[in-house]
Amino acid sequence: MDISLSPKIERFLRIKIAEGVYDSLNEAVNATLGIVLTKECISQEELDMLNDDIQKGIDDAVSGNLSDAFSFLDELKAKYE
């Protein structure tokens, strides 16, 4: 497949390669298209639910309603054993 990138997009991807984010233009294009594909596969409802969950976590953290990691892992182990 032969594709042409706009100068702006090619410049952006080459900067990311220079920064070490990607090893090659091929990798950069594939990763970028993977992001677009993922975005297309997530419904707006799922995205809204995810954003709601993130906001709940932020609100809990701000109010001090936190659990330590060890307690959380113990709960997970108990649930799935």
PDB file of N, CA and C in Angstrom:
ATOM      1  N   MET A   1       0.850  -1.173   0.000  1.00  0.00           N
ATOM      2  CA  MET A   1       0.000   0.000   0.000  1.00  0.00           C
ATOM      3  C   MET A   1       0.894   1.234   0.000  1.00  0.00           C
ATOM      4  N   ASP A   2       0.522   2.154  -0.811  1.00  0.00           N
ATOM      5  CA  ASP A   2       1.279   3.399  -0.928  1.00  0.00           C
ATOM      6  C   ASP A   2       0.394   4.533  -0.442  1.00  0.00           C
ATOM      7  N   ILE A   3       0.871   5.272   0.553  1.00  0.00           N
ATOM      8  CA  ILE A   3       0.077   6.382   1.077  1.00  0.00           C
ATOM      9  C   ILE A   3       0.903   7.657   1.065  1.00  0.00           C
ATOM     10  N   SER A   4       0.205   8.769   1.040  1.00  0.00           N
ATOM     11  CA  SER A   4       0.864  10.072   1.122  1.00  0.00           C
ATOM     12  C   SER A   4       0.352  10.781   2.369  1.00  0.00           C
ATOM     13  N   LEU A   5       1.278  11.325   3.127  1.00  0.00           N
ATOM     14  CA  LEU A   5       0.926  12.082   4.321  1.00  0.00           C
ATOM     15  C   LEU A   5       1.014  13.568   4.022  1.00  0.00           C
ATOM     16  N   SER A   6       0.160  14.319   4.685  1.00  0.00           N
ATOM     17  CA  SER A   6       0.288  15.768   4.541  1.00  0.00           C
ATOM     18  C   SER A   6       1.604  16.186   5.190  1.00  0.00           C
ATOM     19  N   PRO A   7       2.203  17.279   4.726  1.00  0.00           N
ATOM     20  CA  PRO A   7       3.466  17.730   5.324  1.00  0.00           C
ATOM     21  C   PRO A   7       3.361  17.933   6.838  1.00  0.00           C
ATOM     22  N   LYS A   8       2.223  18.454   7.298  1.00  0.00           N
ATOM     23  CA  LYS A   8       2.034  18.692   8.731  1.00  0.00           C
ATOM     24  C   LYS A   8       2.052  17.377   9.512  1.00  0.00           C
ATOM     25  N   ILE A   9       1.357  16.365   9.016  1.00  0.00           N
ATOM     26  CA  ILE A   9       1.316  15.071   9.704  1.00  0.00           C
ATOM     27  C   ILE A   9       2.677  14.393   9.648  1.00  0.00           C
ATOM     28  N   GLU A  10       3.313  14.431   8.498  1.00  0.00           N
ATOM     29  CA  GLU A  10       4.632  13.812   8.385  1.00  0.00           C
ATOM     30  C   GLU A  10       5.630  14.488   9.333  1.00  0.00           C
ATOM     31  N   ARG A  11       5.590  15.804   9.412  1.00  0.00           N
ATOM     32  CA  ARG A  11       6.487  16.537  10.316  1.00  0.00           C
ATOM     33  C   ARG A  11       6.224  16.117  11.767  1.00  0.00           C
ATOM     34  N   PHE A  12       4.940  16.027  12.152  1.00  0.00           N
ATOM     35  CA  PHE A  12       4.584  15.615  13.507  1.00  0.00           C
ATOM     36  C   PHE A  12       5.126  14.215  13.815  1.00  0.00           C
ATOM     37  N   LEU A  13       4.920  13.275  12.898  1.00  0.00           N
ATOM     38  CA  LEU A  13       5.379  11.903  13.130  1.00  0.00           C
ATOM     39  C   LEU A  13       6.901  11.826  13.166  1.00  0.00           C
ATOM     40  N   ARG A  14       7.573  12.600  12.323  1.00  0.00           N
ATOM     41  CA  ARG A  14       9.039  12.588  12.338  1.00  0.00           C
ATOM     42  C   ARG A  14       9.586  13.171  13.645  1.00  0.00           C
ATOM     43  N   ILE A  15       8.895  14.150  14.202  1.00  0.00           N
ATOM     44  CA  ILE A  15       9.291  14.692  15.513  1.00  0.00           C
ATOM     45  C   ILE A  15       9.159  13.607  16.571  1.00  0.00           C
ATOM     46  N   LYS A  16       8.063  12.850  16.529  1.00  0.00           N
ATOM     47  CA  LYS A  16       7.856  11.772  17.501  1.00  0.00           C
ATOM     48  C   LYS A  16       8.928  10.695  17.361  1.00  0.00           C
ATOM     49  N   ILE A  17       9.341  10.434  16.142  1.00  0.00           N
ATOM     50  CA  ILE A  17      10.421   9.471  15.916  1.00  0.00           C
ATOM     51  C   ILE A  17      11.720  10.009  16.496  1.00  0.00           C
ATOM     52  N   ALA A  18      12.015  11.273  16.253  1.00  0.00           N
ATOM     53  CA  ALA A  18      13.236  11.894  16.786  1.00  0.00           C
ATOM     54  C   ALA A  18      13.238  11.915  18.301  1.00  0.00           C
ATOM     55  N   GLU A  19      12.059  12.056  18.903  1.00  0.00           N
ATOM     56  CA  GLU A  19      11.944  12.052  20.368  1.00  0.00           C
ATOM     57  C   GLU A  19      12.059  10.644  20.940  1.00  0.00           C
ATOM     58  N   GLY A  20      12.052   9.639  20.071  1.00  0.00           N
ATOM     59  CA  GLY A  20      12.170   8.258  20.539  1.00  0.00           C
ATOM     60  C   GLY A  20      10.841   7.605  20.872  1.00  0.00           C
ATOM     61  N   VAL A  21       9.745   8.271  20.565  1.00  0.00           N
ATOM     62  CA  VAL A  21       8.426   7.689  20.830  1.00  0.00           C
ATOM     63  C   VAL A  21       8.195   6.490  19.916  1.00  0.00           C
ATOM     64  N   TYR A  22       8.622   6.601  18.666  1.00  0.00           N
ATOM     65  CA  TYR A  22       8.510   5.525  17.691  1.00  0.00           C
ATOM     66  C   TYR A  22       9.872   5.287  17.059  1.00  0.00           C
ATOM     67  N   ASP A  23      10.075   4.063  16.551  1.00  0.00           N
ATOM     68  CA  ASP A  23      11.340   3.713  15.921  1.00  0.00           C
ATOM     69  C   ASP A  23      11.367   4.026  14.426  1.00  0.00           C
ATOM     70  N   SER A  24      10.195   4.078  13.812  1.00  0.00           N
ATOM     71  CA  SER A  24      10.148   4.294  12.364  1.00  0.00           C
ATOM     72  C   SER A  24       8.839   4.977  11.985  1.00  0.00           C
ATOM     73  N   LEU A  25       8.799   5.479  10.758  1.00  0.00           N
ATOM     74  CA  LEU A  25       7.583   6.098  10.253  1.00  0.00           C
ATOM     75  C   LEU A  25       6.468   5.060  10.170  1.00  0.00           C
ATOM     76  N   ASN A  26       6.811   3.852   9.773  1.00  0.00           N
ATOM     77  CA  ASN A  26       5.825   2.776   9.691  1.00  0.00           C
ATOM     78  C   ASN A  26       5.196   2.519  11.064  1.00  0.00           C
ATOM     79  N   GLU A  27       6.032   2.425  12.094  1.00  0.00           N
ATOM     80  CA  GLU A  27       5.523   2.203  13.445  1.00  0.00           C
ATOM     81  C   GLU A  27       4.646   3.366  13.902  1.00  0.00           C
ATOM     82  N   ALA A  28       5.054   4.580  13.600  1.00  0.00           N
ATOM     83  CA  ALA A  28       4.296   5.763  13.996  1.00  0.00           C
ATOM     84  C   ALA A  28       2.921   5.795  13.335  1.00  0.00           C
ATOM     85  N   VAL A  29       2.884   5.494  12.039  1.00  0.00           N
ATOM     86  CA  VAL A  29       1.607   5.488  11.316  1.00  0.00           C
ATOM     87  C   VAL A  29       0.709   4.388  11.851  1.00  0.00           C
ATOM     88  N   ASN A  30       1.243   3.183  12.067  1.00  0.00           N
ATOM     89  CA  ASN A  30       0.437   2.082  12.598  1.00  0.00           C
ATOM     90  C   ASN A  30      -0.108   2.393  13.984  1.00  0.00           C
ATOM     91  N   ALA A  31       0.716   2.980  14.841  1.00  0.00           N
ATOM     92  CA  ALA A  31       0.254   3.327  16.184  1.00  0.00           C
ATOM     93  C   ALA A  31      -0.844   4.384  16.127  1.00  0.00           C
ATOM     94  N   THR A  32      -0.659   5.366  15.278  1.00  0.00           N
ATOM     95  CA  THR A  32      -1.648   6.431  15.133  1.00  0.00           C
ATOM     96  C   THR A  32      -2.963   5.886  14.611  1.00  0.00           C
ATOM     97  N   LEU A  33      -2.900   5.038  13.605  1.00  0.00           N
ATOM     98  CA  LEU A  33      -4.123   4.430  13.078  1.00  0.00           C
ATOM     99  C   LEU A  33      -4.770   3.511  14.104  1.00  0.00           C
ATOM    100  N   GLY A  34      -3.966   2.861  14.943  1.00  0.00           N
ATOM    101  CA  GLY A  34      -4.513   2.034  16.023  1.00  0.00           C
ATOM    102  C   GLY A  34      -5.316   2.859  17.015  1.00  0.00           C
ATOM    103  N   ILE A  35      -4.841   4.058  17.290  1.00  0.00           N
ATOM    104  CA  ILE A  35      -5.568   4.965  18.189  1.00  0.00           C
ATOM    105  C   ILE A  35      -6.902   5.354  17.562  1.00  0.00           C
ATOM    106  N   VAL A  36      -6.882   5.666  16.281  1.00  0.00           N
ATOM    107  CA  VAL A  36      -8.115   6.034  15.582  1.00  0.00           C
ATOM    108  C   VAL A  36      -9.087   4.855  15.583  1.00  0.00           C
ATOM    109  N   LEU A  37      -8.593   3.660  15.308  1.00  0.00           N
ATOM    110  CA  LEU A  37      -9.437   2.466  15.298  1.00  0.00           C
ATOM    111  C   LEU A  37     -10.064   2.235  16.668  1.00  0.00           C
ATOM    112  N   THR A  38      -9.271   2.375  17.720  1.00  0.00           N
ATOM    113  CA  THR A  38      -9.794   2.211  19.076  1.00  0.00           C
ATOM    114  C   THR A  38     -10.873   3.242  19.357  1.00  0.00           C
ATOM    115  N   LYS A  39     -10.630   4.475  18.969  1.00  0.00           N
ATOM    116  CA  LYS A  39     -11.606   5.537  19.180  1.00  0.00           C
ATOM    117  C   LYS A  39     -12.901   5.231  18.447  1.00  0.00           C
ATOM    118  N   GLU A  40     -12.794   4.716  17.244  1.00  0.00           N
ATOM    119  CA  GLU A  40     -13.977   4.399  16.451  1.00  0.00           C
ATOM    120  C   GLU A  40     -14.766   3.237  17.056  1.00  0.00           C
ATOM    121  N   CYS A  41     -14.092   2.342  17.767  1.00  0.00           N
ATOM    122  CA  CYS A  41     -14.738   1.152  18.320  1.00  0.00           C
ATOM    123  C   CYS A  41     -15.400   1.406  19.667  1.00  0.00           C
ATOM    124  N   ILE A  42     -15.085   2.497  20.315  1.00  0.00           N
ATOM    125  CA  ILE A  42     -15.672   2.815  21.617  1.00  0.00           C
ATOM    126  C   ILE A  42     -16.875   3.712  21.393  1.00  0.00           C
ATOM    127  N   SER A  43     -18.032   3.262  21.894  1.00  0.00           N
ATOM    128  CA  SER A  43     -19.239   4.062  21.711  1.00  0.00           C
ATOM    129  C   SER A  43     -19.204   5.276  22.631  1.00  0.00           C
ATOM    130  N   GLN A  44     -19.998   6.253  22.293  1.00  0.00           N
ATOM    131  CA  GLN A  44     -20.081   7.454  23.128  1.00  0.00           C
ATOM    132  C   GLN A  44     -20.587   7.091  24.517  1.00  0.00           C
ATOM    133  N   GLU A  45     -21.506   6.125  24.595  1.00  0.00           N
ATOM    134  CA  GLU A  45     -22.026   5.691  25.898  1.00  0.00           C
ATOM    135  C   GLU A  45     -20.918   5.086  26.758  1.00  0.00           C
ATOM    136  N   GLU A  46     -20.079   4.249  26.150  1.00  0.00           N
ATOM    137  CA  GLU A  46     -18.961   3.658  26.887  1.00  0.00           C
ATOM    138  C   GLU A  46     -17.982   4.732  27.319  1.00  0.00           C
ATOM    139  N   LEU A  47     -17.727   5.690  26.456  1.00  0.00           N
ATOM    140  CA  LEU A  47     -16.823   6.781  26.787  1.00  0.00           C
ATOM    141  C   LEU A  47     -17.388   7.619  27.932  1.00  0.00           C
ATOM    142  N   ASP A  48     -18.684   7.893  27.899  1.00  0.00           N
ATOM    143  CA  ASP A  48     -19.324   8.647  28.982  1.00  0.00           C
ATOM    144  C   ASP A  48     -19.235   7.887  30.304  1.00  0.00           C
ATOM    145  N   MET A  49     -19.451   6.562  30.265  1.00  0.00           N
ATOM    146  CA  MET A  49     -19.357   5.751  31.486  1.00  0.00           C
ATOM    147  C   MET A  49     -17.933   5.779  32.039  1.00  0.00           C
ATOM    148  N   LEU A  50     -16.964   5.675  31.154  1.00  0.00           N
ATOM    149  CA  LEU A  50     -15.566   5.725  31.577  1.00  0.00           C
ATOM    150  C   LEU A  50     -15.238   7.074  32.202  1.00  0.00           C
ATOM    151  N   ASN A  51     -15.684   8.148  31.571  1.00  0.00           N
ATOM    152  CA  ASN A  51     -15.451   9.479  32.127  1.00  0.00           C
ATOM    153  C   ASN A  51     -16.138   9.645  33.488  1.00  0.00           C
ATOM    154  N   ASP A  52     -17.337   9.076  33.640  1.00  0.00           N
ATOM    155  CA  ASP A  52     -18.027   9.117  34.931  1.00  0.00           C
ATOM    156  C   ASP A  52     -17.232   8.382  36.003  1.00  0.00           C
ATOM    157  N   ASP A  53     -16.696   7.202  35.655  1.00  0.00           N
ATOM    158  CA  ASP A  53     -15.893   6.432  36.604  1.00  0.00           C
ATOM    159  C   ASP A  53     -14.623   7.185  36.989  1.00  0.00           C
ATOM    160  N   ILE A  54     -14.001   7.817  36.015  1.00  0.00           N
ATOM    161  CA  ILE A  54     -12.793   8.609  36.301  1.00  0.00           C
ATOM    162  C   ILE A  54     -13.126   9.754  37.246  1.00  0.00           C
ATOM    163  N   GLN A  55     -14.234  10.450  36.982  1.00  0.00           N
ATOM    164  CA  GLN A  55     -14.626  11.560  37.845  1.00  0.00           C
ATOM    165  C   GLN A  55     -14.944  11.075  39.258  1.00  0.00           C
ATOM    166  N   LYS A  56     -15.597   9.903  39.370  1.00  0.00           N
ATOM    167  CA  LYS A  56     -15.885   9.343  40.694  1.00  0.00           C
ATOM    168  C   LYS A  56     -14.582   9.079  41.450  1.00  0.00           C
ATOM    169  N   GLY A  57     -13.593   8.536  40.755  1.00  0.00           N
ATOM    170  CA  GLY A  57     -12.295   8.287  41.389  1.00  0.00           C
ATOM    171  C   GLY A  57     -11.625   9.575  41.835  1.00  0.00           C
ATOM    172  N   ILE A  58     -11.716  10.602  41.011  1.00  0.00           N
ATOM    173  CA  ILE A  58     -11.136  11.897  41.374  1.00  0.00           C
ATOM    174  C   ILE A  58     -11.862  12.467  42.592  1.00  0.00           C
ATOM    175  N   ASP A  59     -13.201  12.393  42.572  1.00  0.00           N
ATOM    176  CA  ASP A  59     -13.990  12.902  43.698  1.00  0.00           C
ATOM    177  C   ASP A  59     -13.662  12.151  44.981  1.00  0.00           C
ATOM    178  N   ASP A  60     -13.531  10.820  44.893  1.00  0.00           N
ATOM    179  CA  ASP A  60     -13.169  10.020  46.068  1.00  0.00           C
ATOM    180  C   ASP A  60     -11.799  10.427  46.603  1.00  0.00           C
ATOM    181  N   ALA A  61     -10.851  10.622  45.710  1.00  0.00           N
ATOM    182  CA  ALA A  61      -9.503  11.006  46.139  1.00  0.00           C
ATOM    183  C   ALA A  61      -9.515  12.367  46.820  1.00  0.00           C
ATOM    184  N   VAL A  62     -10.241  13.303  46.245  1.00  0.00           N
ATOM    185  CA  VAL A  62     -10.308  14.648  46.819  1.00  0.00           C
ATOM    186  C   VAL A  62     -10.940  14.613  48.206  1.00  0.00           C
ATOM    187  N   SER A  63     -11.953  13.755  48.393  1.00  0.00           N
ATOM    188  CA  SER A  63     -12.636  13.676  49.688  1.00  0.00           C
ATOM    189  C   SER A  63     -11.894  12.784  50.690  1.00  0.00           C
ATOM    190  N   GLY A  64     -10.793  12.170  50.251  1.00  0.00           N
ATOM    191  CA  GLY A  64     -10.002  11.332  51.156  1.00  0.00           C
ATOM    192  C   GLY A  64     -10.509   9.908  51.254  1.00  0.00           C
ATOM    193  N   ASN A  65     -11.447   9.532  50.426  1.00  0.00           N
ATOM    194  CA  ASN A  65     -12.012   8.182  50.435  1.00  0.00           C
ATOM    195  C   ASN A  65     -11.131   7.276  49.577  1.00  0.00           C
ATOM    196  N   LEU A  66     -10.024   6.838  50.164  1.00  0.00           N
ATOM    197  CA  LEU A  66      -9.043   6.039  49.435  1.00  0.00           C
ATOM    198  C   LEU A  66      -8.783   4.722  50.153  1.00  0.00           C
ATOM    199  N   SER A  67      -8.354   3.729  49.398  1.00  0.00           N
ATOM    200  CA  SER A  67      -7.933   2.446  49.958  1.00  0.00           C
ATOM    201  C   SER A  67      -6.467   2.256  49.605  1.00  0.00           C
ATOM    202  N   ASP A  68      -5.754   1.551  50.466  1.00  0.00           N
ATOM    203  CA  ASP A  68      -4.367   1.281  50.107  1.00  0.00           C
ATOM    204  C   ASP A  68      -4.323   0.088  49.149  1.00  0.00           C
ATOM    205  N   ALA A  69      -3.266  -0.017  48.407  1.00  0.00           N
ATOM    206  CA  ALA A  69      -3.142  -1.034  47.364  1.00  0.00           C
ATOM    207  C   ALA A  69      -3.206  -2.444  47.924  1.00  0.00           C
ATOM    208  N   PHE A  70      -2.638  -2.678  49.096  1.00  0.00           N
ATOM    209  CA  PHE A  70      -2.622  -4.015  49.659  1.00  0.00           C
ATOM    210  C   PHE A  70      -4.030  -4.480  50.013  1.00  0.00           C
ATOM    211  N   SER A  71      -4.842  -3.598  50.564  1.00  0.00           N
ATOM    212  CA  SER A  71      -6.231  -3.951  50.873  1.00  0.00           C
ATOM    213  C   SER A  71      -6.997  -4.259  49.591  1.00  0.00           C
ATOM    214  N   PHE A  72      -6.777  -3.461  48.591  1.00  0.00           N
ATOM    215  CA  PHE A  72      -7.448  -3.669  47.311  1.00  0.00           C
ATOM    216  C   PHE A  72      -7.074  -5.022  46.717  1.00  0.00           C
ATOM    217  N   LEU A  73      -5.786  -5.354  46.732  1.00  0.00           N
ATOM    218  CA  LEU A  73      -5.339  -6.636  46.194  1.00  0.00           C
ATOM    219  C   LEU A  73      -5.895  -7.801  46.996  1.00  0.00           C
ATOM    220  N   ASP A  74      -5.970  -7.659  48.327  1.00  0.00           N
ATOM    221  CA  ASP A  74      -6.562  -8.704  49.161  1.00  0.00           C
ATOM    222  C   ASP A  74      -8.028  -8.927  48.805  1.00  0.00           C
ATOM    223  N   GLU A  75      -8.764  -7.841  48.538  1.00  0.00           N
ATOM    224  CA  GLU A  75     -10.166  -7.953  48.135  1.00  0.00           C
ATOM    225  C   GLU A  75     -10.288  -8.674  46.794  1.00  0.00           C
ATOM    226  N   LEU A  76      -9.408  -8.341  45.857  1.00  0.00           N
ATOM    227  CA  LEU A  76      -9.434  -9.012  44.551  1.00  0.00           C
ATOM    228  C   LEU A  76      -9.134 -10.503  44.682  1.00  0.00           C
ATOM    229  N   LYS A  77      -8.137 -10.840  45.490  1.00  0.00           N
ATOM    230  CA  LYS A  77      -7.787 -12.261  45.684  1.00  0.00           C
ATOM    231  C   LYS A  77      -8.961 -13.016  46.270  1.00  0.00           C
ATOM    232  N   ALA A  78      -9.601 -12.429  47.295  1.00  0.00           N
ATOM    233  CA  ALA A  78     -10.740 -13.082  47.936  1.00  0.00           C
ATOM    234  C   ALA A  78     -11.894 -13.261  46.946  1.00  0.00           C
ATOM    235  N   LYS A  79     -12.098 -12.290  46.091  1.00  0.00           N
ATOM    236  CA  LYS A  79     -13.208 -12.333  45.139  1.00  0.00           C
ATOM    237  C   LYS A  79     -13.004 -13.439  44.103  1.00  0.00           C
ATOM    238  N   TYR A  80     -11.768 -13.644  43.662  1.00  0.00           N
ATOM    239  CA  TYR A  80     -11.518 -14.566  42.552  1.00  0.00           C
ATOM    240  C   TYR A  80     -10.905 -15.897  42.959  1.00  0.00           C
ATOM    241  N   GLU A  81     -10.798 -16.153  44.243  1.00  0.00           N
ATOM    242  CA  GLU A  81     -10.257 -17.467  44.672  1.00  0.00           C
ATOM    243  C   GLU A  81     -11.341 -18.501  44.733  1.00  0.00           C
TER     244      GLU A  81
END
